[in-house]
């Protein structure tokens, strides 16, 4: 998913930049008495062959004008030699910061896919800007540069597939609980004259549990499968934990109330078990209150 790739790139951008800068420094010499365009071009070709699948590689002069034909995998790409790109962020950032930089994702001019650009300013021995070497990476390829082994890439896909499968299975559980609760409500409406309060309690418990599990599934699916909210992961987990525990507490409290009624009317000697359950609910409430208190303090600090 595109949103997941953007969020992943945000976490890995410093590693991607470090690797791109390493490639530039190793293949293109800087601060030499004479800077030859042909040598810079050869360096870009070496980088392109080494990592492969570069969306585009090109060289700009000190004024931002492209001085070579673009090295690209797009055979239908139009010629950009002679065009000026001094208004592009990768050019003026590289010149202003005087170091290798990496841009945020943006649509490429070739096919509209999201790319990131690494730009490397090249100076002579007098620290006069001669060229800016640039490389465009597709967003997914830029992320893969930090994944050194096939195993790590495969595990990422396996992990996403596992979360997807578990989400589907939990969603089936949600549907079963919901249908069972809806069935109880329907039965109570049809047989209203002989309504048993136990059915109402049962329906409430089932629907409350389905809501709690649905919140859990929603969070897992959005974070691990779609990759949404990765930057706000702590906040989302905090909210989900409160909703989940709150739903469980409500379900247990209803169950305890139902047991009190049941044992009071039929088996008074077993009412102690309902009291134990009420005590457990009270402990959960205290635990939830402590959790909210400390997380709020940490947020304020």
Foldseek 3Di string as FASTA:
>chain_A
DVLQLLLLCVVCVVVLQVVVQVLCPVQAPAAAQDHDPVSSVVSVVVSCVVLHDFQWKFKAFPQQATQDFIDHPDPPDDGRHGPGDCVDPQNVVCVVVVAWDKARWFQDPGPGATWIKIWGFGAYNVRDTTMIIMTIHGSVSSSCVSVPDPVVVVVLVVQLVVLVVVLVVLLVLLVVLQVQLVVLVVVCVVPVVPHDVVSVLSSLLSNLQSVLSNLVSVLSCCCSHVNPCPVVNVVSVLVSVLSNLVSVLVNLVSVLVVLCVVCVVPPVVPNVVSVVSVVVSVVSVVVSVVSVVVVVVVVVD
